Amino acid sequence: QVQLVESGGGLVQPGGSLRLSCAASGSAFSTNTMGWYRQGPGKERELVATITSGGITNYADSVKGRFTISRDSAKNTVYLQMNSLKPEDTAVYYCRAFGPTYWGQGTQVTVSS
């Protein structure tokens, strides 16, 4: 069993930055691929970024060059650094563990002036 707890969301102005954290409890964190997803108002949940246990990353085209996913295995935590935020980044952001799948409860990110 894996539990995922996100934090770090909030209200930020366009062009600003936020760092999301996802703390994982349970076994096998170091071997799991981890990911961040988001669901905007009236939209379906979409992939934002993933990172393998070996540190290989993958990003959605809409966030490439602005977002960075990373992980700290010693802290069982995965991060999402979000820079140059846009209003269209407004969404609930979810952390996901792969194989088997576990989801966090989500954290709200609102980009607005």
C-alpha atoms as a PDB file:
ATOM      1  CA  GLN A   1       0.000   0.000   0.000  1.00  0.00           C
ATOM      2  CA  VAL A   2       1.264   3.471  -0.930  1.00  0.00           C
ATOM      3  CA  GLN A   3      -0.128   6.760   0.307  1.00  0.00           C
ATOM      4  CA  LEU A   4       0.606   9.973  -1.551  1.00  0.00           C
ATOM      5  CA  VAL A   5       0.153  13.439  -0.037  1.00  0.00           C
ATOM      6  CA  GLU A   6       0.539  16.538  -2.217  1.00  0.00           C
ATOM      7  CA  SER A   7       1.307  20.028  -0.967  1.00  0.00           C
ATOM      8  CA  GLY A   8       2.493  23.379  -2.264  1.00  0.00           C
ATOM      9  CA  GLY A   9      -0.475  24.544  -4.291  1.00  0.00           C
ATOM     10  CA  GLY A  10      -1.940  28.017  -4.060  1.00  0.00           C
ATOM     11  CA  LEU A  11      -2.718  31.254  -5.843  1.00  0.00           C
ATOM     12  CA  VAL A  12       0.012  32.815  -7.965  1.00  0.00           C
ATOM     13  CA  GLN A  13       0.131  35.615 -10.525  1.00  0.00           C
ATOM     14  CA  PRO A  14       0.903  34.906 -14.176  1.00  0.00           C
ATOM     15  CA  GLY A  15       4.645  34.555 -14.657  1.00  0.00           C
ATOM     16  CA  GLY A  16       5.120  33.356 -11.104  1.00  0.00           C
ATOM     17  CA  SER A  17       6.444  30.083  -9.718  1.00  0.00           C
ATOM     18  CA  LEU A  18       5.316  27.310  -7.395  1.00  0.00           C
ATOM     19  CA  ARG A  19       6.859  24.062  -6.224  1.00  0.00           C
ATOM     20  CA  LEU A  20       4.603  21.111  -5.570  1.00  0.00           C
ATOM     21  CA  SER A  21       5.652  18.231  -3.343  1.00  0.00           C
ATOM     22  CA  CYS A  22       4.336  14.680  -3.145  1.00  0.00           C
ATOM     23  CA  ALA A  23       5.324  12.704  -0.073  1.00  0.00           C
ATOM     24  CA  ALA A  24       5.003   8.951  -0.430  1.00  0.00           C
ATOM     25  CA  SER A  25       4.635   6.440   2.361  1.00  0.00           C
ATOM     26  CA  GLY A  26       4.853   2.706   1.949  1.00  0.00           C
ATOM     27  CA  SER A  27       7.253   0.412   0.229  1.00  0.00           C
ATOM     28  CA  ALA A  28       8.829   0.399  -3.218  1.00  0.00           C
ATOM     29  CA  PHE A  29       8.883   4.189  -3.729  1.00  0.00           C
ATOM     30  CA  SER A  30      12.451   3.983  -5.002  1.00  0.00           C
ATOM     31  CA  THR A  31      11.440   1.575  -7.768  1.00  0.00           C
ATOM     32  CA  ASN A  32       8.212   3.286  -8.866  1.00  0.00           C
ATOM     33  CA  THR A  33       7.846   5.608 -11.780  1.00  0.00           C
ATOM     34  CA  MET A  34       6.121   8.702 -10.430  1.00  0.00           C
ATOM     35  CA  GLY A  35       4.059  11.309 -12.219  1.00  0.00           C
ATOM     36  CA  TRP A  36       2.135  14.547 -11.965  1.00  0.00           C
ATOM     37  CA  TYR A  37      -1.239  14.976 -13.626  1.00  0.00           C
ATOM     38  CA  ARG A  38      -3.675  17.874 -13.639  1.00  0.00           C
ATOM     39  CA  GLN A  39      -7.361  18.463 -14.198  1.00  0.00           C
ATOM     40  CA  GLY A  40      -8.510  21.925 -15.153  1.00  0.00           C
ATOM     41  CA  PRO A  41     -12.085  23.229 -14.859  1.00  0.00           C
ATOM     42  CA  GLY A  42     -14.307  21.333 -17.251  1.00  0.00           C
ATOM     43  CA  LYS A  43     -11.385  19.325 -18.593  1.00  0.00           C
ATOM     44  CA  GLU A  44     -10.225  15.740 -18.376  1.00  0.00           C
ATOM     45  CA  ARG A  45      -7.238  14.767 -16.271  1.00  0.00           C
ATOM     46  CA  GLU A  46      -4.015  15.012 -18.280  1.00  0.00           C
ATOM     47  CA  LEU A  47      -0.417  13.972 -17.871  1.00  0.00           C
ATOM     48  CA  VAL A  48       1.994  16.752 -16.915  1.00  0.00           C
ATOM     49  CA  ALA A  49       5.284  14.935 -16.270  1.00  0.00           C
ATOM     50  CA  THR A  50       6.764  11.611 -15.237  1.00  0.00           C
ATOM     51  CA  ILE A  51      10.064  10.476 -13.755  1.00  0.00           C
ATOM     52  CA  THR A  52      11.399   6.924 -13.608  1.00  0.00           C
ATOM     53  CA  SER A  53      13.338   5.402 -10.742  1.00  0.00           C
ATOM     54  CA  GLY A  54      16.459   6.086 -12.792  1.00  0.00           C
ATOM     55  CA  GLY A  55      15.620   9.745 -13.238  1.00  0.00           C
ATOM     56  CA  ILE A  56      14.417   9.700 -16.841  1.00  0.00           C
ATOM     57  CA  THR A  57      11.831  12.437 -17.309  1.00  0.00           C
ATOM     58  CA  ASN A  58       9.010  13.077 -19.733  1.00  0.00           C
ATOM     59  CA  TYR A  59       6.873  16.199 -20.124  1.00  0.00           C
ATOM     60  CA  ALA A  60       3.697  17.276 -21.814  1.00  0.00           C
ATOM     61  CA  ASP A  61       4.414  19.685 -24.663  1.00  0.00           C
ATOM     62  CA  SER A  62       2.430  22.409 -22.906  1.00  0.00           C
ATOM     63  CA  VAL A  63       4.849  22.520 -19.952  1.00  0.00           C
ATOM     64  CA  LYS A  64       8.215  21.737 -21.564  1.00  0.00           C
ATOM     65  CA  GLY A  65      10.816  24.325 -20.649  1.00  0.00           C
ATOM     66  CA  ARG A  66       8.698  25.680 -17.791  1.00  0.00           C
ATOM     67  CA  PHE A  67       8.142  22.727 -15.424  1.00  0.00           C
ATOM     68  CA  THR A  68      10.719  20.396 -13.899  1.00  0.00           C
ATOM     69  CA  ILE A  69       9.974  17.086 -12.185  1.00  0.00           C
ATOM     70  CA  SER A  70      12.472  15.636  -9.723  1.00  0.00           C
ATOM     71  CA  ARG A  71      12.611  13.103  -6.919  1.00  0.00           C
ATOM     72  CA  ASP A  72      14.445  12.628  -3.649  1.00  0.00           C
ATOM     73  CA  SER A  73      14.490   8.938  -2.786  1.00  0.00           C
ATOM     74  CA  ALA A  74      15.933   9.598   0.671  1.00  0.00           C
ATOM     75  CA  LYS A  75      12.838  11.662   1.469  1.00  0.00           C
ATOM     76  CA  ASN A  76      10.385   9.524  -0.540  1.00  0.00           C
ATOM     77  CA  THR A  77       9.275  12.727  -2.236  1.00  0.00           C
ATOM     78  CA  VAL A  78       8.687  13.833  -5.803  1.00  0.00           C
ATOM     79  CA  TYR A  79       8.588  17.504  -6.768  1.00  0.00           C
ATOM     80  CA  LEU A  80       7.185  19.613  -9.570  1.00  0.00           C
ATOM     81  CA  GLN A  81       8.865  22.988 -10.008  1.00  0.00           C
ATOM     82  CA  MET A  82       6.570  25.218 -12.043  1.00  0.00           C
ATOM     83  CA  ASN A  83       7.929  28.448 -13.524  1.00  0.00           C
ATOM     84  CA  SER A  84       6.464  31.036 -15.890  1.00  0.00           C
ATOM     85  CA  LEU A  85       2.982  30.000 -14.866  1.00  0.00           C
ATOM     86  CA  LYS A  86       0.056  30.847 -17.138  1.00  0.00           C
ATOM     87  CA  PRO A  87      -3.674  31.105 -16.407  1.00  0.00           C
ATOM     88  CA  GLU A  88      -4.191  27.922 -18.425  1.00  0.00           C
ATOM     89  CA  ASP A  89      -2.058  26.063 -15.853  1.00  0.00           C
ATOM     90  CA  THR A  90      -4.898  26.505 -13.364  1.00  0.00           C
ATOM     91  CA  ALA A  91      -5.955  23.027 -12.254  1.00  0.00           C
ATOM     92  CA  VAL A  92      -5.973  20.504  -9.474  1.00  0.00           C
ATOM     93  CA  TYR A  93      -2.607  18.764  -9.604  1.00  0.00           C
ATOM     94  CA  TYR A  94      -2.394  15.083  -8.677  1.00  0.00           C
ATOM     95  CA  CYS A  95       0.554  12.879  -7.854  1.00  0.00           C
ATOM     96  CA  ARG A  96       0.531   9.344  -9.206  1.00  0.00           C
ATOM     97  CA  ALA A  97       2.595   6.247  -8.489  1.00  0.00           C
ATOM     98  CA  PHE A  98       2.798   3.670 -11.287  1.00  0.00           C
ATOM     99  CA  GLY A  99       2.785  -0.131 -11.092  1.00  0.00           C
ATOM    100  CA  PRO A 100       0.306  -0.520  -9.327  1.00  0.00           C
ATOM    101  CA  THR A 101      -1.422   2.837  -9.563  1.00  0.00           C
ATOM    102  CA  TYR A 102      -1.961   5.072  -6.558  1.00  0.00           C
ATOM    103  CA  TRP A 103      -3.224   8.670  -6.566  1.00  0.00           C
ATOM    104  CA  GLY A 104      -2.886  11.515  -4.140  1.00  0.00           C
ATOM    105  CA  GLN A 105      -5.817  13.705  -3.140  1.00  0.00           C
ATOM    106  CA  GLY A 106      -4.723  16.638  -5.286  1.00  0.00           C
ATOM    107  CA  THR A 107      -3.651  20.215  -4.643  1.00  0.00           C
ATOM    108  CA  GLN A 108      -5.210  23.304  -6.244  1.00  0.00           C
ATOM    109  CA  VAL A 109      -3.077  25.631  -8.336  1.00  0.00           C
ATOM    110  CA  THR A 110      -4.677  28.886  -9.443  1.00  0.00           C
ATOM    111  CA  VAL A 111      -2.877  31.295 -11.756  1.00  0.00           C
ATOM    112  CA  SER A 112      -4.616  34.646 -11.816  1.00  0.00           C
ATOM    113  CA  SER A 113      -3.927  38.327 -11.483  1.00  0.00           C
END
